[in-house]
PDB file of N, CA and C in Angstrom:
ATOM      1  N   MET A   1       1.057  -1.061  -0.171  1.00  0.00           N
ATOM      2  CA  MET A   1      -0.120  -0.135  -0.098  1.00  0.00           C
ATOM      3  C   MET A   1       0.694   1.464   0.147  1.00  0.00           C
ATOM      4  N   THR A   2       0.683   2.324  -0.945  1.00  0.00           N
ATOM      5  CA  THR A   2       1.336   3.478  -0.775  1.00  0.00           C
ATOM      6  C   THR A   2       0.906   4.446   0.118  1.00  0.00           C
ATOM      7  N   GLU A   3       2.035   5.202   0.662  1.00  0.00           N
ATOM      8  CA  GLU A   3       1.915   6.223   1.608  1.00  0.00           C
ATOM      9  C   GLU A   3       0.936   7.437   1.068  1.00  0.00           C
ATOM     10  N   GLN A   4      -0.053   7.571   1.692  1.00  0.00           N
ATOM     11  CA  GLN A   4      -0.981   8.810   1.235  1.00  0.00           C
ATOM     12  C   GLN A   4      -0.557  10.128   1.621  1.00  0.00           C
ATOM     13  N   GLN A   5      -0.124  11.238   0.899  1.00  0.00           N
ATOM     14  CA  GLN A   5       0.611  12.430   0.684  1.00  0.00           C
ATOM     15  C   GLN A   5      -0.253  13.165   1.547  1.00  0.00           C
ATOM     16  N   LYS A   6      -0.035  14.160   2.367  1.00  0.00           N
ATOM     17  CA  LYS A   6      -1.003  14.867   3.239  1.00  0.00           C
ATOM     18  C   LYS A   6      -0.566  16.142   3.138  1.00  0.00           C
ATOM     19  N   LEU A   7       0.708  16.650   2.694  1.00  0.00           N
ATOM     20  CA  LEU A   7       0.907  17.798   2.366  1.00  0.00           C
ATOM     21  C   LEU A   7       1.325  18.467   0.818  1.00  0.00           C
ATOM     22  N   MET A   8       1.065  19.601   0.403  1.00  0.00           N
ATOM     23  CA  MET A   8       1.296  20.162  -0.640  1.00  0.00           C
ATOM     24  C   MET A   8       2.885  20.036  -1.023  1.00  0.00           C
ATOM     25  N   ASP A   9       3.015  20.218  -2.241  1.00  0.00           N
ATOM     26  CA  ASP A   9       4.918  20.305  -2.647  1.00  0.00           C
ATOM     27  C   ASP A   9       5.316  21.663  -2.115  1.00  0.00           C
ATOM     28  N   GLY A  10       4.544  22.699  -2.568  1.00  0.00           N
ATOM     29  CA  GLY A  10       4.982  24.091  -2.037  1.00  0.00           C
ATOM     30  C   GLY A  10       3.968  24.967  -1.944  1.00  0.00           C
ATOM     31  N   PRO A  11       4.221  26.008  -1.748  1.00  0.00           N
ATOM     32  CA  PRO A  11       3.467  27.272  -1.499  1.00  0.00           C
ATOM     33  C   PRO A  11       2.564  27.415  -2.878  1.00  0.00           C
ATOM     34  N   VAL A  12       1.328  28.169  -2.730  1.00  0.00           N
ATOM     35  CA  VAL A  12       0.470  28.351  -3.861  1.00  0.00           C
ATOM     36  C   VAL A  12       0.620  29.860  -3.976  1.00  0.00           C
ATOM     37  N   TYR A  13       0.957  30.716  -4.867  1.00  0.00           N
ATOM     38  CA  TYR A  13       1.224  32.010  -5.150  1.00  0.00           C
ATOM     39  C   TYR A  13      -0.176  32.396  -6.116  1.00  0.00           C
ATOM     40  N   LEU A  14      -0.394  33.535  -5.400  1.00  0.00           N
ATOM     41  CA  LEU A  14      -2.010  33.886  -6.194  1.00  0.00           C
ATOM     42  C   LEU A  14      -0.997  35.549  -6.879  1.00  0.00           C
ATOM     43  N   GLY A  15      -1.889  35.886  -7.838  1.00  0.00           N
ATOM     44  CA  GLY A  15      -1.615  37.214  -8.338  1.00  0.00           C
ATOM     45  C   GLY A  15      -2.636  38.128  -8.094  1.00  0.00           C
ATOM     46  N   MET A  16      -2.496  39.237  -8.218  1.00  0.00           N
ATOM     47  CA  MET A  16      -3.154  40.476  -7.877  1.00  0.00           C
ATOM     48  C   MET A  16      -4.320  40.386  -8.273  1.00  0.00           C
ATOM     49  N   PRO A  17      -5.327  40.450  -7.942  1.00  0.00           N
ATOM     50  CA  PRO A  17      -6.736  40.240  -8.714  1.00  0.00           C
ATOM     51  C   PRO A  17      -6.806  41.330  -9.826  1.00  0.00           C
ATOM     52  N   VAL A  18      -7.450  41.107 -10.648  1.00  0.00           N
ATOM     53  CA  VAL A  18      -7.829  41.590 -11.813  1.00  0.00           C
ATOM     54  C   VAL A  18      -8.903  42.783 -11.953  1.00  0.00           C
ATOM     55  N   PRO A  19      -8.654  44.169 -12.096  1.00  0.00           N
ATOM     56  CA  PRO A  19      -9.531  45.244 -11.752  1.00  0.00           C
ATOM     57  C   PRO A  19     -10.988  44.973 -12.666  1.00  0.00           C
ATOM     58  N   GLU A  20     -11.800  45.431 -11.704  1.00  0.00           N
ATOM     59  CA  GLU A  20     -13.125  44.938 -12.526  1.00  0.00           C
ATOM     60  C   GLU A  20     -13.476  46.124 -13.522  1.00  0.00           C
ATOM     61  N   PRO A  21     -14.081  45.639 -14.885  1.00  0.00           N
ATOM     62  CA  PRO A  21     -14.133  46.316 -16.145  1.00  0.00           C
ATOM     63  C   PRO A  21     -15.167  47.252 -16.142  1.00  0.00           C
ATOM     64  N   ASP A  22     -14.682  48.489 -16.739  1.00  0.00           N
ATOM     65  CA  ASP A  22     -15.438  49.747 -16.737  1.00  0.00           C
ATOM     66  C   ASP A  22     -16.461  49.275 -18.152  1.00  0.00           C
ATOM     67  N   PRO A  23     -17.792  49.960 -17.612  1.00  0.00           N
ATOM     68  CA  PRO A  23     -18.989  49.686 -18.926  1.00  0.00           C
ATOM     69  C   PRO A  23     -18.447  50.659 -19.812  1.00  0.00           C
ATOM     70  N   VAL A  24     -18.443  50.300 -21.403  1.00  0.00           N
ATOM     71  CA  VAL A  24     -18.482  51.128 -22.402  1.00  0.00           C
ATOM     72  C   VAL A  24     -19.474  52.083 -22.344  1.00  0.00           C
ATOM     73  N   PRO A  25     -19.191  53.574 -22.193  1.00  0.00           N
ATOM     74  CA  PRO A  25     -20.090  54.648 -22.694  1.00  0.00           C
ATOM     75  C   PRO A  25     -20.857  54.572 -23.717  1.00  0.00           C
ATOM     76  N   GLY A  26     -22.185  54.516 -23.381  1.00  0.00           N
ATOM     77  CA  GLY A  26     -23.561  54.632 -24.452  1.00  0.00           C
ATOM     78  C   GLY A  26     -23.599  53.004 -24.607  1.00  0.00           C
ATOM     79  N   CYS A  27     -23.146  52.412 -24.526  1.00  0.00           N
ATOM     80  CA  CYS A  27     -23.443  50.912 -24.676  1.00  0.00           C
ATOM     81  C   CYS A  27     -24.580  50.441 -23.513  1.00  0.00           C
ATOM     82  N   GLU A  28     -25.713  49.830 -23.921  1.00  0.00           N
ATOM     83  CA  GLU A  28     -26.922  49.340 -23.013  1.00  0.00           C
ATOM     84  C   GLU A  28     -26.451  48.121 -22.621  1.00  0.00           C
ATOM     85  N   LYS A  29     -25.885  47.146 -23.120  1.00  0.00           N
ATOM     86  CA  LYS A  29     -25.500  46.034 -22.599  1.00  0.00           C
ATOM     87  C   LYS A  29     -24.405  46.199 -21.376  1.00  0.00           C
ATOM     88  N   CYS A  30     -23.446  47.035 -21.754  1.00  0.00           N
ATOM     89  CA  CYS A  30     -22.282  46.956 -20.632  1.00  0.00           C
ATOM     90  C   CYS A  30     -23.190  47.728 -19.278  1.00  0.00           C
ATOM     91  N   ALA A  31     -24.068  48.551 -19.641  1.00  0.00           N
ATOM     92  CA  ALA A  31     -25.046  49.666 -18.739  1.00  0.00           C
ATOM     93  C   ALA A  31     -25.799  48.299 -17.823  1.00  0.00           C
ATOM     94  N   ARG A  32     -26.098  47.370 -18.610  1.00  0.00           N
ATOM     95  CA  ARG A  32     -27.209  46.631 -17.719  1.00  0.00           C
ATOM     96  C   ARG A  32     -26.242  45.546 -16.680  1.00  0.00           C
ATOM     97  N   LEU A  33     -25.194  45.226 -17.588  1.00  0.00           N
ATOM     98  CA  LEU A  33     -24.295  44.475 -16.589  1.00  0.00           C
ATOM     99  C   LEU A  33     -23.750  45.025 -15.407  1.00  0.00           C
ATOM    100  N   ALA A  34     -23.432  46.419 -15.384  1.00  0.00           N
ATOM    101  CA  ALA A  34     -23.076  47.191 -14.527  1.00  0.00           C
ATOM    102  C   ALA A  34     -24.242  47.223 -13.344  1.00  0.00           C
ATOM    103  N   ASP A  35     -25.247  47.472 -13.919  1.00  0.00           N
ATOM    104  CA  ASP A  35     -26.251  47.467 -12.798  1.00  0.00           C
ATOM    105  C   ASP A  35     -26.272  46.357 -12.298  1.00  0.00           C
ATOM    106  N   GLU A  36     -26.427  45.294 -12.953  1.00  0.00           N
ATOM    107  CA  GLU A  36     -26.470  43.882 -11.878  1.00  0.00           C
ATOM    108  C   GLU A  36     -25.719  43.469 -11.199  1.00  0.00           C
ATOM    109  N   ARG A  37     -24.396  43.933 -11.678  1.00  0.00           N
ATOM    110  CA  ARG A  37     -23.158  43.613 -10.802  1.00  0.00           C
ATOM    111  C   ARG A  37     -23.268  44.323  -9.250  1.00  0.00           C
ATOM    112  N   GLU A  38     -23.991  45.413  -9.476  1.00  0.00           N
ATOM    113  CA  GLU A  38     -24.125  46.411  -8.214  1.00  0.00           C
ATOM    114  C   GLU A  38     -25.223  45.915  -7.391  1.00  0.00           C
ATOM    115  N   ARG A  39     -26.269  45.180  -8.153  1.00  0.00           N
ATOM    116  CA  ARG A  39     -27.326  44.501  -7.342  1.00  0.00           C
ATOM    117  C   ARG A  39     -26.645  43.528  -6.798  1.00  0.00           C
ATOM    118  N   TRP A  40     -25.831  42.582  -7.423  1.00  0.00           N
ATOM    119  CA  TRP A  40     -25.412  41.440  -6.710  1.00  0.00           C
ATOM    120  C   TRP A  40     -24.253  41.681  -5.603  1.00  0.00           C
ATOM    121  N   ARG A  41     -23.848  43.055  -5.640  1.00  0.00           N
ATOM    122  CA  ARG A  41     -22.877  43.359  -4.948  1.00  0.00           C
ATOM    123  C   ARG A  41     -23.604  43.549  -3.331  1.00  0.00           C
ATOM    124  N   LYS A  42     -24.492  44.548  -3.616  1.00  0.00           N
ATOM    125  CA  LYS A  42     -25.622  44.723  -2.604  1.00  0.00           C
ATOM    126  C   LYS A  42     -25.906  43.479  -1.756  1.00  0.00           C
ATOM    127  N   ALA A  43     -26.567  42.840  -2.603  1.00  0.00           N
ATOM    128  CA  ALA A  43     -26.773  41.238  -1.804  1.00  0.00           C
ATOM    129  C   ALA A  43     -25.726  40.569  -1.408  1.00  0.00           C
ATOM    130  N   GLY A  44     -24.432  40.772  -1.434  1.00  0.00           N
ATOM    131  CA  GLY A  44     -23.583  40.096  -1.030  1.00  0.00           C
ATOM    132  C   GLY A  44     -22.812  38.631  -1.861  1.00  0.00           C
ATOM    133  N   ASP A  45     -23.247  38.738  -3.082  1.00  0.00           N
ATOM    134  CA  ASP A  45     -23.081  37.615  -3.791  1.00  0.00           C
ATOM    135  C   ASP A  45     -22.270  37.651  -4.569  1.00  0.00           C
ATOM    136  N   ASP A  46     -20.713  37.518  -4.151  1.00  0.00           N
ATOM    137  CA  ASP A  46     -19.551  37.729  -4.992  1.00  0.00           C
ATOM    138  C   ASP A  46     -19.154  37.195  -6.110  1.00  0.00           C
ATOM    139  N   THR A  47     -19.978  35.551  -6.320  1.00  0.00           N
ATOM    140  CA  THR A  47     -19.600  34.918  -6.953  1.00  0.00           C
ATOM    141  C   THR A  47     -20.545  35.495  -8.359  1.00  0.00           C
ATOM    142  N   ARG A  48     -21.688  35.999  -8.048  1.00  0.00           N
ATOM    143  CA  ARG A  48     -22.672  36.630  -9.505  1.00  0.00           C
ATOM    144  C   ARG A  48     -21.823  37.970 -10.002  1.00  0.00           C
ATOM    145  N   VAL A  49     -21.000  38.728  -8.769  1.00  0.00           N
ATOM    146  CA  VAL A  49     -20.472  39.776  -9.247  1.00  0.00           C
ATOM    147  C   VAL A  49     -19.498  39.462 -10.052  1.00  0.00           C
ATOM    148  N   SER A  50     -18.798  38.412  -9.983  1.00  0.00           N
ATOM    149  CA  SER A  50     -17.589  37.788 -10.893  1.00  0.00           C
ATOM    150  C   SER A  50     -17.951  37.324 -11.842  1.00  0.00           C
ATOM    151  N   ASP A  51     -18.953  36.723 -12.121  1.00  0.00           N
ATOM    152  CA  ASP A  51     -19.685  36.378 -13.376  1.00  0.00           C
ATOM    153  C   ASP A  51     -20.191  37.514 -14.139  1.00  0.00           C
ATOM    154  N   CYS A  52     -20.630  38.841 -13.694  1.00  0.00           N
ATOM    155  CA  CYS A  52     -20.982  39.833 -14.612  1.00  0.00           C
ATOM    156  C   CYS A  52     -19.570  40.451 -14.826  1.00  0.00           C
ATOM    157  N   ASN A  53     -18.468  40.629 -14.068  1.00  0.00           N
ATOM    158  CA  ASN A  53     -17.148  40.951 -14.545  1.00  0.00           C
ATOM    159  C   ASN A  53     -16.735  40.162 -15.720  1.00  0.00           C
ATOM    160  N   VAL A  54     -16.746  39.011 -15.431  1.00  0.00           N
ATOM    161  CA  VAL A  54     -16.381  37.941 -16.958  1.00  0.00           C
ATOM    162  C   VAL A  54     -17.366  38.679 -18.133  1.00  0.00           C
ATOM    163  N   TRP A  55     -18.703  38.491 -18.134  1.00  0.00           N
ATOM    164  CA  TRP A  55     -19.661  38.878 -19.223  1.00  0.00           C
ATOM    165  C   TRP A  55     -18.830  40.051 -19.473  1.00  0.00           C
ATOM    166  N   MET A  56     -18.909  41.153 -18.677  1.00  0.00           N
ATOM    167  CA  MET A  56     -18.488  42.569 -19.136  1.00  0.00           C
ATOM    168  C   MET A  56     -17.038  42.537 -19.716  1.00  0.00           C
ATOM    169  N   ARG A  57     -15.846  41.561 -19.549  1.00  0.00           N
ATOM    170  CA  ARG A  57     -15.015  41.907 -20.176  1.00  0.00           C
ATOM    171  C   ARG A  57     -14.860  40.977 -21.499  1.00  0.00           C
ATOM    172  N   ARG A  58     -15.894  39.863 -21.661  1.00  0.00           N
ATOM    173  CA  ARG A  58     -16.031  39.095 -22.969  1.00  0.00           C
ATOM    174  C   ARG A  58     -16.727  39.995 -24.013  1.00  0.00           C
ATOM    175  N   HIS A  59     -17.799  40.651 -23.580  1.00  0.00           N
ATOM    176  CA  HIS A  59     -18.938  41.622 -24.555  1.00  0.00           C
ATOM    177  C   HIS A  59     -17.995  42.561 -25.170  1.00  0.00           C
ATOM    178  N   PRO A  60     -17.428  43.323 -24.792  1.00  0.00           N
ATOM    179  CA  PRO A  60     -16.546  44.155 -25.682  1.00  0.00           C
ATOM    180  C   PRO A  60     -15.837  43.950 -26.703  1.00  0.00           C
ATOM    181  N   LYS A  61     -15.187  42.553 -26.488  1.00  0.00           N
ATOM    182  CA  LYS A  61     -14.308  42.319 -27.348  1.00  0.00           C
ATOM    183  C   LYS A  61     -14.853  41.968 -28.769  1.00  0.00           C
ATOM    184  N   HIS A  62     -16.350  41.627 -28.931  1.00  0.00           N
ATOM    185  CA  HIS A  62     -16.871  40.960 -29.724  1.00  0.00           C
ATOM    186  C   HIS A  62     -18.013  41.936 -30.353  1.00  0.00           C
ATOM    187  N   GLU A  63     -18.582  42.868 -29.422  1.00  0.00           N
ATOM    188  CA  GLU A  63     -19.349  43.817 -29.876  1.00  0.00           C
ATOM    189  C   GLU A  63     -18.939  45.341 -30.010  1.00  0.00           C
ATOM    190  N   HIS A  64     -17.795  45.704 -29.640  1.00  0.00           N
ATOM    191  CA  HIS A  64     -17.204  47.049 -29.526  1.00  0.00           C
ATOM    192  C   HIS A  64     -15.837  46.697 -30.269  1.00  0.00           C
ATOM    193  N   ARG A  65     -15.291  45.691 -30.902  1.00  0.00           N
ATOM    194  CA  ARG A  65     -14.088  45.836 -31.588  1.00  0.00           C
ATOM    195  C   ARG A  65     -13.013  46.339 -31.008  1.00  0.00           C
ATOM    196  N   LEU A  66     -13.015  46.208 -29.476  1.00  0.00           N
ATOM    197  CA  LEU A  66     -11.740  46.838 -28.736  1.00  0.00           C
ATOM    198  C   LEU A  66     -10.491  45.551 -29.271  1.00  0.00           C
ATOM    199  N   PRO A  67      -9.431  46.248 -28.802  1.00  0.00           N
ATOM    200  CA  PRO A  67      -8.290  45.303 -29.167  1.00  0.00           C
ATOM    201  C   PRO A  67      -8.079  44.488 -27.790  1.00  0.00           C
TER     202      PRO A  67
END
């Protein structure tokens, strides 16, 4: 029988958090996502806040043609 490993090999290094995306001025979808993000933040649901951030980051690349 092999011995079960109980410790990790080394420390885990996490990078700095990515800043929240800003909505693109004049874009209704960005504004909706920003509003929804604030509602989830007030409700204390950080997972949904993170989801809104991901959607906002993905949205402009397709619809605003940003680099």
